Amino acid sequence: MVGPVLGAVRERLLAAPAVDGDTVLRAGGDPYAPGLVRLRGEGGVLRLPAFQFSEGTLPWLTVLEVNEVLRADTDPWGAADWWLSENAWLGTEPVRLLGTPDDRRLAATARHLVEGE
């Protein structure tokens, strides 16, 4: 991501709470597990947005499902932006619905977005 607009988006996403790969490894998790958003910060440091994990390094199943739909493996910045930006269909940032009864709406909303392309 480069340029004035994308640079600002990148900075906003990197400012969100995150854990580094070593922290995930020390806690017994796998920072390279399929379905996780992995962003490279300054100096190429691996950052995994913290919202992906329900407890410690255990990823939310909903996050893994949505990240697959959003193709986070090939577009981690786009997937992170979807999670952390206001969504008109959901009426809030998708990340705010994790762990609530409404989190079942997340995968359907992501599918609708992708299928509408």
Protein backbone atom coordinates (compact mmCIF):
# COMPACT_ATOMS: atom_id res chain seq x y z
CA MET A 1 0.00 0.00 0.00
CA VAL A 2 1.36 3.36 -1.00
CA GLY A 3 0.14 6.85 -1.71
CA PRO A 4 -1.56 9.45 0.46
CA VAL A 5 -4.90 7.65 0.88
CA LEU A 6 -3.61 4.11 1.13
CA GLY A 7 -0.79 5.25 3.39
CA ALA A 8 -3.32 6.65 5.85
CA VAL A 9 -5.32 3.42 5.76
CA ARG A 10 -2.14 1.40 6.33
CA GLU A 11 -1.20 3.58 9.31
CA ARG A 12 -4.70 3.22 10.80
CA LEU A 13 -4.61 -0.57 10.45
CA LEU A 14 -1.13 -0.81 11.95
CA ALA A 15 -2.26 1.37 14.88
CA ALA A 16 -4.93 -1.17 15.85
CA PRO A 17 -4.06 -3.51 18.74
CA ALA A 18 -1.94 -6.41 17.51
CA VAL A 19 0.37 -9.16 18.66
CA ASP A 20 3.63 -10.15 17.08
CA GLY A 21 4.49 -13.58 15.75
CA ASP A 22 6.85 -14.39 18.63
CA THR A 23 4.12 -13.69 21.19
CA VAL A 24 1.76 -16.05 19.40
CA LEU A 25 4.45 -18.74 19.23
CA ARG A 26 5.32 -18.42 22.94
CA ALA A 27 1.63 -18.83 23.81
CA GLY A 28 1.46 -22.05 21.81
CA GLY A 29 -0.25 -20.63 18.74
CA ASP A 30 0.79 -20.54 15.11
CA PRO A 31 1.21 -17.05 13.63
CA TYR A 32 1.22 -18.63 10.16
CA ALA A 33 -2.00 -20.62 10.62
CA PRO A 34 -4.28 -20.44 7.59
CA GLY A 35 -7.03 -17.87 7.85
CA LEU A 36 -5.23 -15.25 9.92
CA VAL A 37 -4.58 -11.70 8.80
CA ARG A 38 -0.86 -11.02 8.94
CA LEU A 39 0.37 -7.48 8.35
CA ARG A 40 3.96 -6.32 8.03
CA GLY A 41 4.72 -3.24 10.05
CA GLU A 42 7.74 -1.01 10.12
CA GLY A 43 10.92 -2.93 9.44
CA GLY A 44 8.92 -5.90 8.20
CA VAL A 45 7.79 -6.89 11.71
CA LEU A 46 4.92 -9.38 11.61
CA ARG A 47 1.74 -8.05 13.26
CA LEU A 48 -1.42 -10.06 13.77
CA PRO A 49 -4.44 -7.88 14.57
CA ALA A 50 -5.53 -8.80 18.09
CA PHE A 51 -9.24 -8.93 17.25
CA GLN A 52 -8.65 -12.28 15.57
CA PHE A 53 -8.10 -14.03 18.90
CA SER A 54 -10.82 -14.84 21.42
CA GLU A 55 -8.56 -15.93 24.28
CA GLY A 56 -4.81 -15.72 24.12
CA THR A 57 -3.88 -17.07 20.71
CA LEU A 58 -7.04 -19.05 19.97
CA PRO A 59 -8.60 -17.56 16.81
CA TRP A 60 -12.34 -16.94 16.58
CA LEU A 61 -13.87 -19.49 14.19
CA THR A 62 -15.92 -16.68 12.67
CA VAL A 63 -12.73 -14.76 11.92
CA LEU A 64 -11.23 -17.75 10.12
CA GLU A 65 -14.39 -18.21 8.06
CA VAL A 66 -14.68 -14.54 7.13
CA ASN A 67 -10.97 -14.22 6.40
CA GLU A 68 -11.26 -17.13 3.98
CA VAL A 69 -14.17 -15.44 2.20
CA LEU A 70 -12.24 -12.15 2.07
CA ARG A 71 -9.12 -13.94 0.81
CA ALA A 72 -6.98 -12.61 3.64
CA ASP A 73 -4.14 -14.85 2.50
CA THR A 74 -3.75 -12.75 -0.68
CA ASP A 75 -5.18 -9.41 0.54
CA PRO A 76 -4.49 -9.09 4.28
CA TRP A 77 -4.75 -5.29 4.17
CA GLY A 78 -8.18 -5.43 2.55
CA ALA A 79 -9.41 -8.02 5.05
CA ALA A 80 -8.09 -6.01 8.02
CA ASP A 81 -9.72 -2.87 6.63
CA TRP A 82 -13.08 -4.69 6.31
CA TRP A 83 -12.93 -5.81 9.96
CA LEU A 84 -11.90 -2.42 11.32
CA SER A 85 -14.05 -0.04 9.23
CA GLU A 86 -17.67 1.01 9.55
CA ASN A 87 -19.95 -1.29 7.57
CA ALA A 88 -23.27 0.12 6.37
CA TRP A 89 -24.94 -3.31 6.22
CA LEU A 90 -23.94 -4.16 9.77
CA GLY A 91 -24.34 -0.66 11.21
CA THR A 92 -20.96 -0.86 12.94
CA GLU A 93 -17.42 -2.10 12.52
CA PRO A 94 -17.55 -5.88 11.95
CA VAL A 95 -14.99 -6.43 14.71
CA ARG A 96 -17.50 -5.11 17.27
CA LEU A 97 -19.83 -8.05 16.57
CA LEU A 98 -17.32 -10.77 17.44
CA GLY A 99 -18.46 -12.78 20.43
CA THR A 100 -22.00 -11.41 20.27
CA PRO A 101 -25.16 -13.13 19.02
CA ASP A 102 -24.83 -11.01 15.86
CA ASP A 103 -21.45 -12.44 14.87
CA ARG A 104 -23.25 -15.05 12.76
CA ARG A 105 -24.10 -12.19 10.36
CA LEU A 106 -20.44 -11.53 9.61
CA ALA A 107 -19.77 -14.40 7.20
CA ALA A 108 -22.99 -13.76 5.27
CA THR A 109 -22.14 -10.07 4.95
CA ALA A 110 -18.62 -10.86 3.72
CA ARG A 111 -20.01 -13.35 1.20
CA HIS A 112 -22.46 -10.77 -0.07
CA LEU A 113 -19.60 -8.32 -0.57
CA VAL A 114 -17.43 -10.82 -2.45
CA GLU A 115 -20.23 -12.27 -4.58
CA GLY A 116 -21.33 -8.78 -5.56
CA GLU A 117 -17.95 -8.11 -7.20
